[in-house]
């Protein structure tokens, strides 16, 4: 097998493509031949030693991938050789093969493409947990999605629409806003355009007829958080999904009081660990939604696995819309 190896987490340039012995699965593991692996923001942080999880060195980055089971370890009963699965395990995806925990593998039905499967679990599980479980979103409510052209943002548009909500998609360019409209957003808000006469709060007020959004889905953080929270509707729910902008915002607590609003944390990883049965039911519902055409990952482009460093550069440029997916030759 071959894989991108991180022996010193000082950045992308330190990654090297190496030949390694193909491992044998141990108890509760499966050996996968990787067909596709998506690039997520944590995959950048982890090779820079900035992520909360610090895997032992050396490690193969790539948190999310899809492939075919080539061998099963002792104790694995739900999977067999030849099954196609998607997996989110934190590391191991950027190579030709990997060992994966069988418990983290999602068996794929007929017709579920490997490229879509490699870009599926993180964005839709995070989003379903956020909107359905944490926000208790109801049909007819308005959702404002920040960073709406990114991976989780595009998922949020689709999940919110599948639930019967009205979606305002906020993104930084006209091109990104157009993608959001294609994915089903009812209206878009370009917060990157230079419009001194119109503030962000003015635009949100205009787009919600003065009421404000019922739910804010925020994977961005940074400077937008406070003006957006000041615009939220009475009994609104502000979903803290991530901090792609970098800075972690600090909000005045009186805003929650005045709005009767909630700041709600979204940590799907711990939901999966603490509530495995609820998580499994959620994943099966999401697979059904995919089969029904209600959701489908927005793929910016696919690149050969050998071009991983170029994919990291694209992610760093913030020009990616949806997901980048690395593919191995079939």
Protein backbone atom coordinates (compact mmCIF):
# COMPACT_ATOMS: atom_id res chain seq x y z
CA UNK A 1 0.00 0.00 0.00
CA UNK A 2 0.94 3.68 -0.32
CA UNK A 3 -0.08 6.57 1.90
CA UNK A 4 0.65 10.19 2.72
CA UNK A 5 2.66 10.04 5.94
CA UNK A 6 2.89 12.79 8.55
CA UNK A 7 6.08 12.19 10.55
CA UNK A 8 6.38 15.77 11.83
CA UNK A 9 3.17 17.87 12.10
CA UNK A 10 4.61 21.19 10.96
CA UNK A 11 2.35 21.61 7.93
CA UNK A 12 1.34 20.21 4.59
CA UNK A 13 4.80 20.46 3.02
CA UNK A 14 6.14 17.87 5.46
CA UNK A 15 3.78 15.15 4.15
CA UNK A 16 5.45 12.43 2.07
CA UNK A 17 3.95 9.74 -0.17
CA UNK A 18 5.43 6.45 1.01
CA UNK A 19 5.10 2.74 0.44
CA UNK A 20 4.08 0.93 3.63
CA UNK A 21 3.32 -2.71 4.53
CA UNK A 22 -0.37 -3.47 4.09
CA UNK A 23 -1.65 -4.03 7.65
CA UNK A 24 -3.74 -6.91 8.98
CA UNK A 25 -6.99 -6.04 10.75
CA UNK A 26 -7.09 -6.72 14.46
CA UNK A 27 -10.13 -7.26 16.70
CA UNK A 28 -13.12 -5.14 15.60
CA UNK A 29 -11.22 -3.72 12.60
CA UNK A 30 -11.55 -4.02 8.84
CA UNK A 31 -9.01 -3.46 6.09
CA UNK A 32 -10.36 -1.11 3.43
CA UNK A 33 -9.18 -0.47 -0.10
CA UNK A 34 -9.81 3.26 -0.31
CA UNK A 35 -11.64 4.49 -3.39
CA UNK A 36 -12.13 8.12 -2.32
CA UNK A 37 -11.34 10.41 0.62
CA UNK A 38 -12.61 13.93 1.25
CA UNK A 39 -10.63 16.87 2.58
CA UNK A 40 -12.09 18.50 5.69
CA UNK A 41 -10.89 21.51 7.68
CA UNK A 42 -9.66 19.32 10.59
CA UNK A 43 -7.41 17.50 8.11
CA UNK A 44 -5.51 20.77 7.72
CA UNK A 45 -5.34 21.49 11.44
CA UNK A 46 -4.13 18.00 12.32
CA UNK A 47 -1.03 18.19 10.11
CA UNK A 48 -0.26 21.60 11.64
CA UNK A 49 -0.52 20.18 15.18
CA UNK A 50 -3.45 22.56 15.84
CA UNK A 51 -6.26 20.03 16.22
CA UNK A 52 -7.59 18.84 19.58
CA UNK A 53 -6.81 15.24 18.67
CA UNK A 54 -3.06 14.53 18.59
CA UNK A 55 -2.51 11.14 16.94
CA UNK A 56 0.74 9.25 17.69
CA UNK A 57 3.48 9.86 15.14
CA UNK A 58 3.78 8.92 12.38
CA UNK A 59 0.19 8.95 11.12
CA UNK A 60 -1.72 9.10 7.85
CA UNK A 61 -4.13 12.07 7.71
CA UNK A 62 -7.55 11.86 6.10
CA UNK A 63 -10.50 11.67 8.45
CA UNK A 64 -13.25 10.61 6.04
CA UNK A 65 -13.19 8.08 3.24
CA UNK A 66 -15.06 5.37 1.36
CA UNK A 67 -13.95 2.04 -0.03
CA UNK A 68 -14.27 -1.73 -0.18
CA UNK A 69 -13.70 -4.19 2.66
CA UNK A 70 -10.76 -6.44 1.80
CA UNK A 71 -10.34 -8.25 5.14
CA UNK A 72 -12.14 -8.39 8.50
CA UNK A 73 -10.64 -8.85 11.94
CA UNK A 74 -11.87 -11.06 14.79
CA UNK A 75 -15.22 -10.01 16.24
CA UNK A 76 -16.50 -8.27 13.11
CA UNK A 77 -19.92 -9.68 12.27
CA UNK A 78 -21.79 -6.86 10.52
CA UNK A 79 -19.36 -6.48 7.60
CA UNK A 80 -17.80 -8.91 5.16
CA UNK A 81 -15.25 -8.89 2.36
CA UNK A 82 -16.61 -7.02 -0.65
CA UNK A 83 -18.90 -4.66 1.26
CA UNK A 84 -18.71 -1.00 0.27
CA UNK A 85 -18.58 1.37 3.24
CA UNK A 86 -18.00 4.97 4.26
CA UNK A 87 -16.01 5.73 7.39
CA UNK A 88 -15.09 8.69 9.54
CA UNK A 89 -12.25 7.63 11.81
CA UNK A 90 -10.11 10.75 12.22
CA UNK A 91 -7.03 9.52 10.35
CA UNK A 92 -5.96 7.01 7.71
CA UNK A 93 -7.86 8.16 4.64
CA UNK A 94 -5.16 9.63 2.42
CA UNK A 95 -3.73 6.42 1.04
CA UNK A 96 -4.61 3.30 -0.91
CA UNK A 97 -5.57 1.19 2.12
CA UNK A 98 -6.32 1.71 5.81
CA UNK A 99 -7.49 -0.10 8.91
CA UNK A 100 -10.87 1.21 10.09
CA UNK A 101 -12.92 0.53 13.21
CA UNK A 102 -15.86 -1.59 12.05
CA UNK A 103 -18.15 0.31 14.41
CA UNK A 104 -17.42 3.54 12.52
CA UNK A 105 -18.21 2.10 9.10
CA UNK A 106 -21.47 2.89 7.35
CA UNK A 107 -22.49 0.15 4.94
CA UNK A 108 -23.48 1.65 1.61
CA UNK A 109 -26.54 0.66 -0.39
CA UNK A 110 -26.48 0.01 -4.13
CA UNK A 111 -26.08 3.21 -6.13
CA UNK A 112 -24.29 5.26 -3.45
CA UNK A 113 -21.20 6.61 -5.24
CA UNK A 114 -17.84 6.41 -3.51
CA UNK A 115 -17.15 10.11 -4.13
CA UNK A 116 -20.44 11.10 -2.49
CA UNK A 117 -19.90 8.60 0.33
CA UNK A 118 -16.46 9.99 1.12
CA UNK A 119 -18.00 13.45 1.55
CA UNK A 120 -21.14 12.39 3.39
CA UNK A 121 -20.78 11.52 7.06
CA UNK A 122 -19.13 14.58 8.58
CA UNK A 123 -21.22 17.27 6.93
CA UNK A 124 -24.62 15.61 7.14
CA UNK A 125 -24.21 14.05 10.59
CA UNK A 126 -23.05 17.39 11.98
CA UNK A 127 -25.91 19.21 10.29
CA UNK A 128 -28.69 16.77 11.18
CA UNK A 129 -27.52 16.76 14.82
CA UNK A 130 -27.46 20.57 14.75
CA UNK A 131 -30.78 21.34 13.07
CA UNK A 132 -32.93 18.37 14.05
CA UNK A 133 -31.63 17.44 17.49
CA UNK A 134 -30.13 20.62 18.95
CA UNK A 135 -32.26 23.34 17.31
CA UNK A 136 -35.49 21.32 17.06
CA UNK A 137 -36.12 23.05 13.73
CA UNK A 138 -39.75 23.18 12.62
CA UNK A 139 -41.25 23.48 9.16
CA UNK A 140 -41.91 27.08 8.25
CA UNK A 141 -39.11 28.51 10.38
CA UNK A 142 -36.29 30.57 8.88
CA UNK A 143 -32.68 29.36 9.01
CA UNK A 144 -29.72 31.65 8.33
CA UNK A 145 -26.69 29.63 7.23
CA UNK A 146 -23.30 31.33 7.51
CA UNK A 147 -20.43 30.04 5.37
CA UNK A 148 -23.17 28.50 3.27
CA UNK A 149 -21.00 27.47 0.31
CA UNK A 150 -18.65 25.36 2.42
CA UNK A 151 -19.01 21.67 3.20
CA UNK A 152 -21.28 21.86 6.25
CA UNK A 153 -22.95 24.99 4.90
CA UNK A 154 -24.11 23.27 1.72
CA UNK A 155 -25.36 20.37 3.85
CA UNK A 156 -27.27 22.78 6.10
CA UNK A 157 -29.11 24.28 3.12
CA UNK A 158 -30.26 20.83 1.99
CA UNK A 159 -31.21 19.47 5.42
CA UNK A 160 -33.12 22.64 6.33
CA UNK A 161 -35.06 22.53 3.05
CA UNK A 162 -35.80 18.81 3.55
CA UNK A 163 -37.35 19.80 6.89
CA UNK A 164 -39.57 22.46 5.30
CA UNK A 165 -37.66 25.53 6.49
CA UNK A 166 -36.99 28.79 4.67
CA UNK A 167 -33.25 29.21 4.08
CA UNK A 168 -31.17 32.37 3.87
CA UNK A 169 -27.69 31.39 2.68
CA UNK A 170 -24.86 33.80 3.49
CA UNK A 171 -21.61 33.53 1.54
CA UNK A 172 -18.70 35.74 0.52
CA UNK A 173 -19.00 35.92 -3.29
CA UNK A 174 -21.69 36.05 -5.95
CA UNK A 175 -20.44 32.72 -7.34
CA UNK A 176 -20.86 31.07 -3.95
CA UNK A 177 -24.31 32.60 -3.56
CA UNK A 178 -25.30 31.16 -6.93
CA UNK A 179 -24.26 27.67 -5.78
CA UNK A 180 -26.42 28.13 -2.68
CA UNK A 181 -29.42 29.00 -4.82
CA UNK A 182 -28.82 25.90 -6.94
CA UNK A 183 -28.85 23.82 -3.74
CA UNK A 184 -32.24 25.19 -2.75
CA UNK A 185 -31.63 28.36 -0.73
CA UNK A 186 -34.64 30.66 -0.89
CA UNK A 187 -32.54 33.84 -0.77
CA UNK A 188 -28.84 34.65 -0.47
CA UNK A 189 -26.80 37.28 1.31
CA UNK A 190 -23.35 38.25 0.02
CA UNK A 191 -21.45 39.44 3.10
CA UNK A 192 -18.23 39.86 1.15
CA UNK A 193 -19.54 42.60 -1.11
CA UNK A 194 -18.48 46.14 -0.27
CA UNK A 195 -21.79 47.87 0.47
CA UNK A 196 -21.12 50.63 3.01
CA UNK A 197 -24.72 51.80 2.92
CA UNK A 198 -26.07 48.40 3.96
CA UNK A 199 -24.91 46.67 7.12
CA UNK A 200 -25.20 42.95 7.74
CA UNK A 201 -27.93 43.57 10.30
CA UNK A 202 -29.87 45.72 7.82
CA UNK A 203 -29.80 42.94 5.23
CA UNK A 204 -30.91 40.28 7.69
CA UNK A 205 -33.75 42.54 8.85
CA UNK A 206 -34.79 43.15 5.25
CA UNK A 207 -34.70 39.43 4.34
CA UNK A 208 -36.76 38.43 7.39
CA UNK A 209 -39.31 41.27 7.26
CA UNK A 210 -37.87 42.61 10.50
CA UNK A 211 -38.40 39.42 12.49
CA UNK A 212 -34.93 37.86 12.33
CA UNK A 213 -33.99 34.20 11.69
CA UNK A 214 -35.35 31.53 14.02
CA UNK A 215 -32.16 29.48 13.74
CA UNK A 216 -28.61 30.55 12.88
CA UNK A 217 -26.21 27.82 11.69
CA UNK A 218 -22.68 29.16 12.26
CA UNK A 219 -19.58 27.18 11.28
CA UNK A 220 -17.60 30.43 10.86
CA UNK A 221 -17.43 32.36 14.14
CA UNK A 222 -15.29 35.49 14.07
CA UNK A 223 -16.65 39.00 13.61
CA UNK A 224 -20.04 38.02 12.17
CA UNK A 225 -21.29 36.31 15.33
CA UNK A 226 -22.34 39.35 17.37
CA UNK A 227 -24.18 41.33 14.65
CA UNK A 228 -25.94 38.15 13.54
CA UNK A 229 -26.96 37.25 17.08
CA UNK A 230 -28.29 40.79 17.56
CA UNK A 231 -30.52 40.09 14.55
CA UNK A 232 -31.94 36.77 15.76
CA UNK A 233 -35.67 36.28 16.29
CA UNK A 234 -37.38 35.98 19.68
CA UNK A 235 -36.72 32.45 21.01
CA UNK A 236 -34.05 32.04 18.35
CA UNK A 237 -31.41 29.32 18.50
CA UNK A 238 -27.82 30.16 17.56
CA UNK A 239 -25.95 26.98 16.62
CA UNK A 240 -22.22 27.05 17.36
CA UNK A 241 -20.84 24.61 14.77
CA UNK A 242 -17.22 25.77 14.32
CA UNK A 243 -14.76 28.60 13.93
CA UNK A 244 -13.51 28.53 10.34
CA UNK A 245 -12.74 32.25 10.51
CA UNK A 246 -10.27 31.62 13.34
CA UNK A 247 -11.25 33.84 16.29
CA UNK A 248 -13.74 32.44 18.81
CA UNK A 249 -16.37 35.14 19.40
CA UNK A 250 -17.42 36.42 22.82
CA UNK A 251 -21.04 37.55 23.09
CA UNK A 252 -22.56 39.90 25.71
CA UNK A 253 -24.87 37.76 27.83
CA UNK A 254 -27.55 40.44 27.95
CA UNK A 255 -28.30 39.69 24.28
CA UNK A 256 -29.56 36.22 25.16
CA UNK A 257 -31.76 37.73 27.86
CA UNK A 258 -33.24 40.43 25.66
CA UNK A 259 -33.99 38.05 22.80
CA UNK A 260 -35.14 35.10 24.90
CA UNK A 261 -32.63 33.29 22.68
CA UNK A 262 -30.27 30.37 23.13
CA UNK A 263 -26.66 29.73 22.16
CA UNK A 264 -26.52 26.01 21.42
CA UNK A 265 -23.33 23.96 21.14
CA UNK A 266 -23.06 21.37 18.37
CA UNK A 267 -20.57 18.53 18.99
CA UNK A 268 -21.60 15.63 16.80
CA UNK A 269 -18.50 13.59 17.68
CA UNK A 270 -19.54 13.31 21.32
CA UNK A 271 -23.18 12.74 20.35
CA UNK A 272 -21.98 9.72 18.35
CA UNK A 273 -19.98 8.42 21.32
CA UNK A 274 -22.55 9.10 24.06
CA UNK A 275 -25.73 8.23 22.13
CA UNK A 276 -24.75 5.51 19.63
CA UNK A 277 -28.28 4.21 19.04
CA UNK A 278 -29.65 7.67 18.27
CA UNK A 279 -26.65 8.30 16.01
CA UNK A 280 -27.20 5.04 14.10
CA UNK A 281 -30.87 5.92 13.54
CA UNK A 282 -29.84 9.36 12.31
CA UNK A 283 -27.36 7.89 9.80
CA UNK A 284 -29.96 5.51 8.40
CA UNK A 285 -32.39 8.40 7.93
CA UNK A 286 -29.70 10.39 6.13
CA UNK A 287 -28.95 7.45 3.81
CA UNK A 288 -32.67 7.24 3.04
CA UNK A 289 -32.75 10.97 2.28
CA UNK A 290 -29.80 10.47 -0.10
CA UNK A 291 -31.60 7.64 -1.88
CA UNK A 292 -34.72 9.82 -2.17
CA UNK A 293 -32.69 12.67 -3.69
CA UNK A 294 -33.30 15.08 -0.81
CA UNK A 295 -29.58 15.49 -0.05
CA UNK A 296 -26.42 15.06 -2.12
CA UNK A 297 -22.92 16.36 -1.32
CA UNK A 298 -21.85 19.38 -3.34
CA UNK A 299 -18.51 18.31 -4.83
CA UNK A 300 -16.24 21.17 -5.89
CA UNK A 301 -13.93 18.77 -7.74
CA UNK A 302 -12.13 15.45 -7.50
CA UNK A 303 -8.34 15.14 -7.65
CA UNK A 304 -6.01 12.14 -7.82
CA UNK A 305 -4.77 11.04 -4.39
CA UNK A 306 -1.23 11.89 -5.53
CA UNK A 307 -2.26 15.58 -5.76
CA UNK A 308 -3.18 15.93 -2.09
CA UNK A 309 -0.88 18.91 -1.53
CA UNK A 310 -2.60 20.80 -4.35
CA UNK A 311 -5.95 20.06 -2.69
CA UNK A 312 -4.68 21.46 0.61
CA UNK A 313 -3.60 24.62 -1.23
CA UNK A 314 -7.07 25.01 -2.74
CA UNK A 315 -8.62 24.66 0.71
CA UNK A 316 -6.25 27.28 2.09
CA UNK A 317 -7.25 29.71 -0.66
CA UNK A 318 -10.88 29.60 0.56
CA UNK A 319 -12.02 29.24 -3.03
CA UNK A 320 -13.54 25.77 -2.56
CA UNK A 321 -17.32 25.45 -2.83
CA UNK A 322 -18.63 22.29 -1.24
CA UNK A 323 -16.17 19.43 -0.84
CA UNK A 324 -12.83 18.40 -2.33
CA UNK A 325 -12.47 14.65 -2.82
CA UNK A 326 -9.28 12.67 -3.50
CA UNK A 327 -9.68 9.53 -5.59
CA UNK A 328 -7.53 6.44 -6.17
CA UNK A 329 -7.32 4.72 -9.56
CA UNK A 330 -10.01 2.05 -9.89
